[in-house]
Amino acid sequence: MVKTPFDRRLIPPLENGDRLTRYEFERRYDNMSQLKRAELIEGVVYMAAALRFKSHGQPHASLLTWLGNYTVATPGTALGDAPTVRLDMDNEPQPDAVLLIESQCGGRSRLSEDDYIEGAPELVVEIAASSVSIDLGDKKRAYRRNGIPEYIVWQVFDRQVDWFYLQEGEYISLPIDADGTIRSRVFPGLWLAVDDLIAGNMVRVLAVLQAGLAAAEHDAFVKQLSTVGD
């Protein structure tokens, strides 16, 4: 059989450490139907190892529960579970979670015709177990340079949650209030009881979130989102 340039068998597989353009990364990724997760960070391919339950799966589910409750109460926002994000020509990450403002409500990112996020969503979240050096290194720099306003990194083994806010081109850590709560500056009412999240006390995490959702600032935010584009 004469092979043509379109023969999928001629496309090289993705390998950890490959240095590729975003277009070549996508071409190889699309050809590997069995591959569930791979990222391009600063032009380098990273492929995730098998994900363990306590160090990744369970924390991931807890954050999605927290963010999902916020999204349900905040029309005009959308939550994504490990979506691919086309940031720039050297970066196509797959964050553990993305919370964004929908484009028709004034959001910074949009969905492409082939259903990928393009641009900088308002909040990205990473569960950092074995990936701490990447999440707080090259990935953090890529997120900052592309103007992602807020970035959460849960360092599972260190029992630490860092919530960064972009201010004057640099990421600064959002303060933990006296009551142990971090409050988003981009998503009013998105409140996080940090120690309770780390301890797995989701009843308390959701109770603090409900207090944020009942605050006047959240009500004003919902009204603002509903009027954009009218």
C-alpha atoms as a PDB file:
ATOM      1  CA  MET A   1       0.000   0.000   0.000  1.00  0.00           C
ATOM      2  CA  VAL A   2       1.302   3.446  -0.913  1.00  0.00           C
ATOM      3  CA  LYS A   3       1.386   5.639   2.190  1.00  0.00           C
ATOM      4  CA  THR A   4       0.249   9.214   1.912  1.00  0.00           C
ATOM      5  CA  PRO A   5       1.104  12.206   4.131  1.00  0.00           C
ATOM      6  CA  PHE A   6      -2.336  11.758   5.695  1.00  0.00           C
ATOM      7  CA  ASP A   7      -1.705   8.227   6.911  1.00  0.00           C
ATOM      8  CA  ARG A   8      -2.226   8.443  10.678  1.00  0.00           C
ATOM      9  CA  ARG A   9       0.430   5.771  11.196  1.00  0.00           C
ATOM     10  CA  LEU A  10       3.061   8.252  10.056  1.00  0.00           C
ATOM     11  CA  ILE A  11       2.303  10.673  12.886  1.00  0.00           C
ATOM     12  CA  PRO A  12       4.831  10.244  15.726  1.00  0.00           C
ATOM     13  CA  PRO A  13       3.460   9.526  19.208  1.00  0.00           C
ATOM     14  CA  LEU A  14       3.654  12.056  22.004  1.00  0.00           C
ATOM     15  CA  GLU A  15       6.515  11.489  24.425  1.00  0.00           C
ATOM     16  CA  ASN A  16       7.314  13.172  27.725  1.00  0.00           C
ATOM     17  CA  GLY A  17       9.823  15.938  27.160  1.00  0.00           C
ATOM     18  CA  ASP A  18       9.078  16.456  23.460  1.00  0.00           C
ATOM     19  CA  ARG A  19       9.591  20.050  22.355  1.00  0.00           C
ATOM     20  CA  LEU A  20       6.779  20.919  19.974  1.00  0.00           C
ATOM     21  CA  THR A  21       4.716  23.743  18.590  1.00  0.00           C
ATOM     22  CA  ARG A  22       1.110  23.818  19.726  1.00  0.00           C
ATOM     23  CA  TYR A  23      -0.072  22.726  16.296  1.00  0.00           C
ATOM     24  CA  GLU A  24       2.224  19.692  16.242  1.00  0.00           C
ATOM     25  CA  PHE A  25       1.261  18.868  19.832  1.00  0.00           C
ATOM     26  CA  GLU A  26      -2.421  18.826  18.871  1.00  0.00           C
ATOM     27  CA  ARG A  27      -1.750  16.760  15.752  1.00  0.00           C
ATOM     28  CA  ARG A  28       0.015  14.054  17.754  1.00  0.00           C
ATOM     29  CA  TYR A  29      -2.435  14.225  20.664  1.00  0.00           C
ATOM     30  CA  ASP A  30      -5.436  13.805  18.340  1.00  0.00           C
ATOM     31  CA  ASN A  31      -3.790  10.726  16.845  1.00  0.00           C
ATOM     32  CA  MET A  32      -3.512   8.990  20.235  1.00  0.00           C
ATOM     33  CA  SER A  33      -7.116   8.114  21.075  1.00  0.00           C
ATOM     34  CA  GLN A  34      -6.060   6.089  24.116  1.00  0.00           C
ATOM     35  CA  LEU A  35      -4.301   9.064  25.726  1.00  0.00           C
ATOM     36  CA  LYS A  36      -6.420  10.801  28.359  1.00  0.00           C
ATOM     37  CA  ARG A  37      -4.191  13.656  29.435  1.00  0.00           C
ATOM     38  CA  ALA A  38      -1.203  15.537  28.082  1.00  0.00           C
ATOM     39  CA  GLU A  39      -0.128  19.159  28.292  1.00  0.00           C
ATOM     40  CA  LEU A  40       2.163  21.521  26.428  1.00  0.00           C
ATOM     41  CA  ILE A  41       3.888  23.871  28.878  1.00  0.00           C
ATOM     42  CA  GLU A  42       6.394  26.389  27.542  1.00  0.00           C
ATOM     43  CA  GLY A  43       6.827  24.208  24.448  1.00  0.00           C
ATOM     44  CA  VAL A  44       7.494  20.986  26.405  1.00  0.00           C
ATOM     45  CA  VAL A  45       5.159  17.969  26.545  1.00  0.00           C
ATOM     46  CA  TYR A  46       4.103  16.642  29.949  1.00  0.00           C
ATOM     47  CA  MET A  47       2.106  13.423  30.202  1.00  0.00           C
ATOM     48  CA  ALA A  48       0.434  12.600  33.500  1.00  0.00           C
ATOM     49  CA  ALA A  49       1.119   9.375  35.347  1.00  0.00           C
ATOM     50  CA  ALA A  50      -1.737   7.302  36.744  1.00  0.00           C
ATOM     51  CA  LEU A  51      -3.727   9.418  39.216  1.00  0.00           C
ATOM     52  CA  ARG A  52      -4.002   8.129  42.769  1.00  0.00           C
ATOM     53  CA  PHE A  53      -7.168   8.463  44.811  1.00  0.00           C
ATOM     54  CA  LYS A  54      -6.137  10.253  48.032  1.00  0.00           C
ATOM     55  CA  SER A  55      -3.431  12.424  46.496  1.00  0.00           C
ATOM     56  CA  HIS A  56      -5.429  13.527  43.458  1.00  0.00           C
ATOM     57  CA  GLY A  57      -8.848  12.013  42.791  1.00  0.00           C
ATOM     58  CA  GLN A  58     -10.401  12.891  46.140  1.00  0.00           C
ATOM     59  CA  PRO A  59      -8.988  16.460  46.369  1.00  0.00           C
ATOM     60  CA  HIS A  60     -10.040  17.010  42.755  1.00  0.00           C
ATOM     61  CA  ALA A  61     -13.601  15.941  43.562  1.00  0.00           C
ATOM     62  CA  SER A  62     -13.717  18.215  46.618  1.00  0.00           C
ATOM     63  CA  LEU A  63     -12.696  21.259  44.599  1.00  0.00           C
ATOM     64  CA  LEU A  64     -15.193  20.437  41.865  1.00  0.00           C
ATOM     65  CA  THR A  65     -17.941  20.136  44.483  1.00  0.00           C
ATOM     66  CA  TRP A  66     -17.036  23.563  45.885  1.00  0.00           C
ATOM     67  CA  LEU A  67     -16.792  25.222  42.483  1.00  0.00           C
ATOM     68  CA  GLY A  68     -19.866  23.435  41.158  1.00  0.00           C
ATOM     69  CA  ASN A  69     -22.043  24.796  43.940  1.00  0.00           C
ATOM     70  CA  TYR A  70     -20.776  28.289  43.140  1.00  0.00           C
ATOM     71  CA  THR A  71     -21.508  27.880  39.432  1.00  0.00           C
ATOM     72  CA  VAL A  72     -25.067  26.677  40.027  1.00  0.00           C
ATOM     73  CA  ALA A  73     -25.752  29.820  42.081  1.00  0.00           C
ATOM     74  CA  THR A  74     -24.000  32.158  39.625  1.00  0.00           C
ATOM     75  CA  PRO A  75     -25.575  32.236  36.145  1.00  0.00           C
ATOM     76  CA  GLY A  76     -23.101  33.456  33.545  1.00  0.00           C
ATOM     77  CA  THR A  77     -20.219  31.382  34.931  1.00  0.00           C
ATOM     78  CA  ALA A  78     -19.113  27.935  33.768  1.00  0.00           C
ATOM     79  CA  LEU A  79     -17.044  25.178  35.351  1.00  0.00           C
ATOM     80  CA  GLY A  80     -14.816  22.791  33.435  1.00  0.00           C
ATOM     81  CA  ASP A  81     -13.283  19.520  34.650  1.00  0.00           C
ATOM     82  CA  ALA A  82      -9.750  19.186  33.214  1.00  0.00           C
ATOM     83  CA  PRO A  83     -10.470  20.982  29.917  1.00  0.00           C
ATOM     84  CA  THR A  84      -7.811  21.737  27.341  1.00  0.00           C
ATOM     85  CA  VAL A  85      -6.966  25.457  27.210  1.00  0.00           C
ATOM     86  CA  ARG A  86      -5.261  27.029  24.212  1.00  0.00           C
ATOM     87  CA  LEU A  87      -3.264  29.803  25.864  1.00  0.00           C
ATOM     88  CA  ASP A  88      -0.585  30.723  23.332  1.00  0.00           C
ATOM     89  CA  MET A  89       1.690  29.128  20.745  1.00  0.00           C
ATOM     90  CA  ASP A  90       3.782  27.313  23.392  1.00  0.00           C
ATOM     91  CA  ASN A  91       1.167  26.501  26.015  1.00  0.00           C
ATOM     92  CA  GLU A  92      -1.838  24.206  25.895  1.00  0.00           C
ATOM     93  CA  PRO A  93      -2.420  23.100  29.500  1.00  0.00           C
ATOM     94  CA  GLN A  94      -5.155  20.869  30.860  1.00  0.00           C
ATOM     95  CA  PRO A  95      -5.841  22.312  34.324  1.00  0.00           C
ATOM     96  CA  ASP A  96      -7.621  20.173  36.890  1.00  0.00           C
ATOM     97  CA  ALA A  97     -10.456  22.705  36.936  1.00  0.00           C
ATOM     98  CA  VAL A  98     -11.376  25.953  35.221  1.00  0.00           C
ATOM     99  CA  LEU A  99     -13.945  28.498  36.362  1.00  0.00           C
ATOM    100  CA  LEU A 100     -14.757  31.125  33.780  1.00  0.00           C
ATOM    101  CA  ILE A 101     -17.163  33.909  32.996  1.00  0.00           C
ATOM    102  CA  GLU A 102     -19.023  33.086  29.800  1.00  0.00           C
ATOM    103  CA  SER A 103     -17.993  35.221  26.841  1.00  0.00           C
ATOM    104  CA  GLN A 104     -21.474  36.680  26.339  1.00  0.00           C
ATOM    105  CA  CYS A 105     -21.318  37.902  29.943  1.00  0.00           C
ATOM    106  CA  GLY A 106     -17.980  39.652  29.490  1.00  0.00           C
ATOM    107  CA  GLY A 107     -15.579  36.751  30.026  1.00  0.00           C
ATOM    108  CA  ARG A 108     -11.970  36.823  28.859  1.00  0.00           C
ATOM    109  CA  SER A 109     -11.955  33.456  27.061  1.00  0.00           C
ATOM    110  CA  ARG A 110     -14.142  31.875  24.398  1.00  0.00           C
ATOM    111  CA  LEU A 111     -14.937  28.453  22.979  1.00  0.00           C
ATOM    112  CA  SER A 112     -13.454  27.614  19.597  1.00  0.00           C
ATOM    113  CA  GLU A 113     -15.414  26.008  16.799  1.00  0.00           C
ATOM    114  CA  ASP A 114     -13.922  22.635  17.802  1.00  0.00           C
ATOM    115  CA  ASP A 115     -14.986  23.179  21.440  1.00  0.00           C
ATOM    116  CA  TYR A 116     -11.707  24.110  23.139  1.00  0.00           C
ATOM    117  CA  ILE A 117     -11.175  27.048  25.493  1.00  0.00           C
ATOM    118  CA  GLU A 118      -9.123  29.773  23.837  1.00  0.00           C
ATOM    119  CA  GLY A 119      -7.629  32.607  25.851  1.00  0.00           C
ATOM    120  CA  ALA A 120      -7.298  33.121  29.583  1.00  0.00           C
ATOM    121  CA  PRO A 121     -10.132  31.872  31.806  1.00  0.00           C
ATOM    122  CA  GLU A 122     -10.675  33.819  35.017  1.00  0.00           C
ATOM    123  CA  LEU A 123      -9.621  31.023  37.414  1.00  0.00           C
ATOM    124  CA  VAL A 124      -7.568  27.866  36.972  1.00  0.00           C
ATOM    125  CA  VAL A 125      -6.988  25.190  39.609  1.00  0.00           C
ATOM    126  CA  GLU A 126      -4.266  22.573  39.889  1.00  0.00           C
ATOM    127  CA  ILE A 127      -3.946  19.629  42.284  1.00  0.00           C
ATOM    128  CA  ALA A 128      -0.203  19.399  42.893  1.00  0.00           C
ATOM    129  CA  ALA A 129       1.068  16.087  44.215  1.00  0.00           C
ATOM    130  CA  SER A 130       3.988  14.920  42.068  1.00  0.00           C
ATOM    131  CA  SER A 131       3.641  17.982  39.812  1.00  0.00           C
ATOM    132  CA  VAL A 132       4.457  20.750  42.343  1.00  0.00           C
ATOM    133  CA  SER A 133       7.619  21.914  40.564  1.00  0.00           C
ATOM    134  CA  ILE A 134       5.734  22.299  37.274  1.00  0.00           C
ATOM    135  CA  ASP A 135       2.599  23.869  38.764  1.00  0.00           C
ATOM    136  CA  LEU A 136       4.576  26.451  40.738  1.00  0.00           C
ATOM    137  CA  GLY A 137       7.242  26.861  38.065  1.00  0.00           C
ATOM    138  CA  ASP A 138       6.771  26.933  34.298  1.00  0.00           C
ATOM    139  CA  LYS A 139       3.000  26.552  34.455  1.00  0.00           C
ATOM    140  CA  LYS A 140       2.612  29.424  36.913  1.00  0.00           C
ATOM    141  CA  ARG A 141       4.784  31.640  34.705  1.00  0.00           C
ATOM    142  CA  ALA A 142       2.729  30.730  31.628  1.00  0.00           C
ATOM    143  CA  TYR A 143      -0.530  31.490  33.436  1.00  0.00           C
ATOM    144  CA  ARG A 144       0.830  34.820  34.686  1.00  0.00           C
ATOM    145  CA  ARG A 145       2.153  35.864  31.285  1.00  0.00           C
ATOM    146  CA  ASN A 146      -1.180  35.055  29.650  1.00  0.00           C
ATOM    147  CA  GLY A 147      -3.077  37.158  32.178  1.00  0.00           C
ATOM    148  CA  ILE A 148      -5.069  34.501  34.050  1.00  0.00           C
ATOM    149  CA  PRO A 149      -6.454  36.573  36.954  1.00  0.00           C
ATOM    150  CA  GLU A 150      -6.549  33.871  39.664  1.00  0.00           C
ATOM    151  CA  TYR A 151      -4.689  30.597  40.150  1.00  0.00           C
ATOM    152  CA  ILE A 152      -5.199  28.006  42.903  1.00  0.00           C
ATOM    153  CA  VAL A 153      -2.600  25.346  43.663  1.00  0.00           C
ATOM    154  CA  TRP A 154      -3.445  22.687  46.261  1.00  0.00           C
ATOM    155  CA  GLN A 155      -0.156  21.132  47.382  1.00  0.00           C
ATOM    156  CA  VAL A 156      -1.595  17.890  48.713  1.00  0.00           C
ATOM    157  CA  PHE A 157       1.480  16.422  50.389  1.00  0.00           C
ATOM    158  CA  ASP A 158       2.423  19.754  51.981  1.00  0.00           C
ATOM    159  CA  ARG A 159      -1.192  20.293  53.121  1.00  0.00           C
ATOM    160  CA  GLN A 160      -1.158  23.810  51.691  1.00  0.00           C
ATOM    161  CA  VAL A 161      -3.444  25.770  49.380  1.00  0.00           C
ATOM    162  CA  ASP A 162      -2.021  28.776  47.517  1.00  0.00           C
ATOM    163  CA  TRP A 163      -4.484  31.152  45.884  1.00  0.00           C
ATOM    164  CA  PHE A 164      -2.751  33.665  43.632  1.00  0.00           C
ATOM    165  CA  TYR A 165      -4.199  36.889  42.267  1.00  0.00           C
ATOM    166  CA  LEU A 166      -2.712  38.755  39.308  1.00  0.00           C
ATOM    167  CA  GLN A 167      -1.810  42.299  40.278  1.00  0.00           C
ATOM    168  CA  GLU A 168       0.321  44.605  38.134  1.00  0.00           C
ATOM    169  CA  GLY A 169       1.643  41.665  36.142  1.00  0.00           C
ATOM    170  CA  GLU A 170       2.670  39.546  39.135  1.00  0.00           C
ATOM    171  CA  TYR A 171       0.958  36.841  41.163  1.00  0.00           C
ATOM    172  CA  ILE A 172       0.413  37.731  44.798  1.00  0.00           C
ATOM    173  CA  SER A 173      -1.080  35.430  47.417  1.00  0.00           C
ATOM    174  CA  LEU A 174      -4.602  36.290  48.486  1.00  0.00           C
ATOM    175  CA  PRO A 175      -4.769  36.783  52.261  1.00  0.00           C
ATOM    176  CA  ILE A 176      -6.370  34.303  54.622  1.00  0.00           C
ATOM    177  CA  ASP A 177      -8.809  36.234  56.802  1.00  0.00           C
ATOM    178  CA  ALA A 178      -8.922  35.894  60.578  1.00  0.00           C
ATOM    179  CA  ASP A 179     -11.724  33.337  60.256  1.00  0.00           C
ATOM    180  CA  GLY A 180      -9.576  31.125  57.977  1.00  0.00           C
ATOM    181  CA  THR A 181     -11.337  32.108  54.754  1.00  0.00           C
ATOM    182  CA  ILE A 182      -9.906  33.183  51.400  1.00  0.00           C
ATOM    183  CA  ARG A 183     -12.206  35.335  49.280  1.00  0.00           C
ATOM    184  CA  SER A 184     -11.913  35.597  45.512  1.00  0.00           C
ATOM    185  CA  ARG A 185     -11.417  39.047  44.014  1.00  0.00           C
ATOM    186  CA  VAL A 186     -12.688  37.974  40.587  1.00  0.00           C
ATOM    187  CA  PHE A 187     -15.708  35.916  41.649  1.00  0.00           C
ATOM    188  CA  PRO A 188     -17.554  37.711  44.467  1.00  0.00           C
ATOM    189  CA  GLY A 189     -18.964  35.243  46.965  1.00  0.00           C
ATOM    190  CA  LEU A 190     -16.466  32.502  46.128  1.00  0.00           C
ATOM    191  CA  TRP A 191     -15.231  31.913  49.665  1.00  0.00           C
ATOM    192  CA  LEU A 192     -12.970  29.050  50.715  1.00  0.00           C
ATOM    193  CA  ALA A 193     -12.456  27.671  54.234  1.00  0.00           C
ATOM    194  CA  VAL A 194      -8.887  26.563  53.599  1.00  0.00           C
ATOM    195  CA  ASP A 195      -8.157  24.407  56.645  1.00  0.00           C
ATOM    196  CA  ASP A 196     -11.495  22.635  56.310  1.00  0.00           C
ATOM    197  CA  LEU A 197     -10.823  21.844  52.669  1.00  0.00           C
ATOM    198  CA  ILE A 198      -7.440  20.340  53.560  1.00  0.00           C
ATOM    199  CA  ALA A 199      -8.999  18.363  56.418  1.00  0.00           C
ATOM    200  CA  GLY A 200     -11.772  17.043  54.181  1.00  0.00           C
ATOM    201  CA  ASN A 201     -14.525  18.796  56.126  1.00  0.00           C
ATOM    202  CA  MET A 202     -16.693  19.524  53.122  1.00  0.00           C
ATOM    203  CA  VAL A 203     -19.764  20.315  55.238  1.00  0.00           C
ATOM    204  CA  ARG A 204     -17.921  23.326  56.624  1.00  0.00           C
ATOM    205  CA  VAL A 205     -16.454  24.220  53.206  1.00  0.00           C
ATOM    206  CA  LEU A 206     -19.921  24.367  51.676  1.00  0.00           C
ATOM    207  CA  ALA A 207     -21.353  26.256  54.660  1.00  0.00           C
ATOM    208  CA  VAL A 208     -18.745  28.993  54.236  1.00  0.00           C
ATOM    209  CA  LEU A 209     -19.441  29.079  50.499  1.00  0.00           C
ATOM    210  CA  GLN A 210     -23.166  29.470  51.188  1.00  0.00           C
ATOM    211  CA  ALA A 211     -22.358  32.467  53.388  1.00  0.00           C
ATOM    212  CA  GLY A 212     -20.472  33.968  50.452  1.00  0.00           C
ATOM    213  CA  LEU A 213     -23.357  33.277  48.100  1.00  0.00           C
ATOM    214  CA  ALA A 214     -25.710  35.049  50.513  1.00  0.00           C
ATOM    215  CA  ALA A 215     -23.508  38.166  50.632  1.00  0.00           C
ATOM    216  CA  ALA A 216     -24.601  41.372  48.914  1.00  0.00           C
ATOM    217  CA  GLU A 217     -21.469  41.340  46.735  1.00  0.00           C
ATOM    218  CA  HIS A 218     -22.514  38.050  45.128  1.00  0.00           C
ATOM    219  CA  ASP A 219     -26.011  39.328  44.419  1.00  0.00           C
ATOM    220  CA  ALA A 220     -24.529  42.404  42.748  1.00  0.00           C
ATOM    221  CA  PHE A 221     -22.186  40.218  40.681  1.00  0.00           C
ATOM    222  CA  VAL A 222     -25.059  38.052  39.419  1.00  0.00           C
ATOM    223  CA  LYS A 223     -26.977  41.168  38.407  1.00  0.00           C
ATOM    224  CA  GLN A 224     -23.904  42.533  36.652  1.00  0.00           C
ATOM    225  CA  LEU A 225     -23.430  39.330  34.639  1.00  0.00           C
ATOM    226  CA  SER A 226     -27.083  39.340  33.606  1.00  0.00           C
ATOM    227  CA  THR A 227     -26.901  42.868  32.204  1.00  0.00           C
ATOM    228  CA  VAL A 228     -23.712  42.499  30.153  1.00  0.00           C
ATOM    229  CA  GLY A 229     -24.576  42.342  26.473  1.00  0.00           C
ATOM    230  CA  ASP A 230     -28.154  43.522  26.902  1.00  0.00           C
END
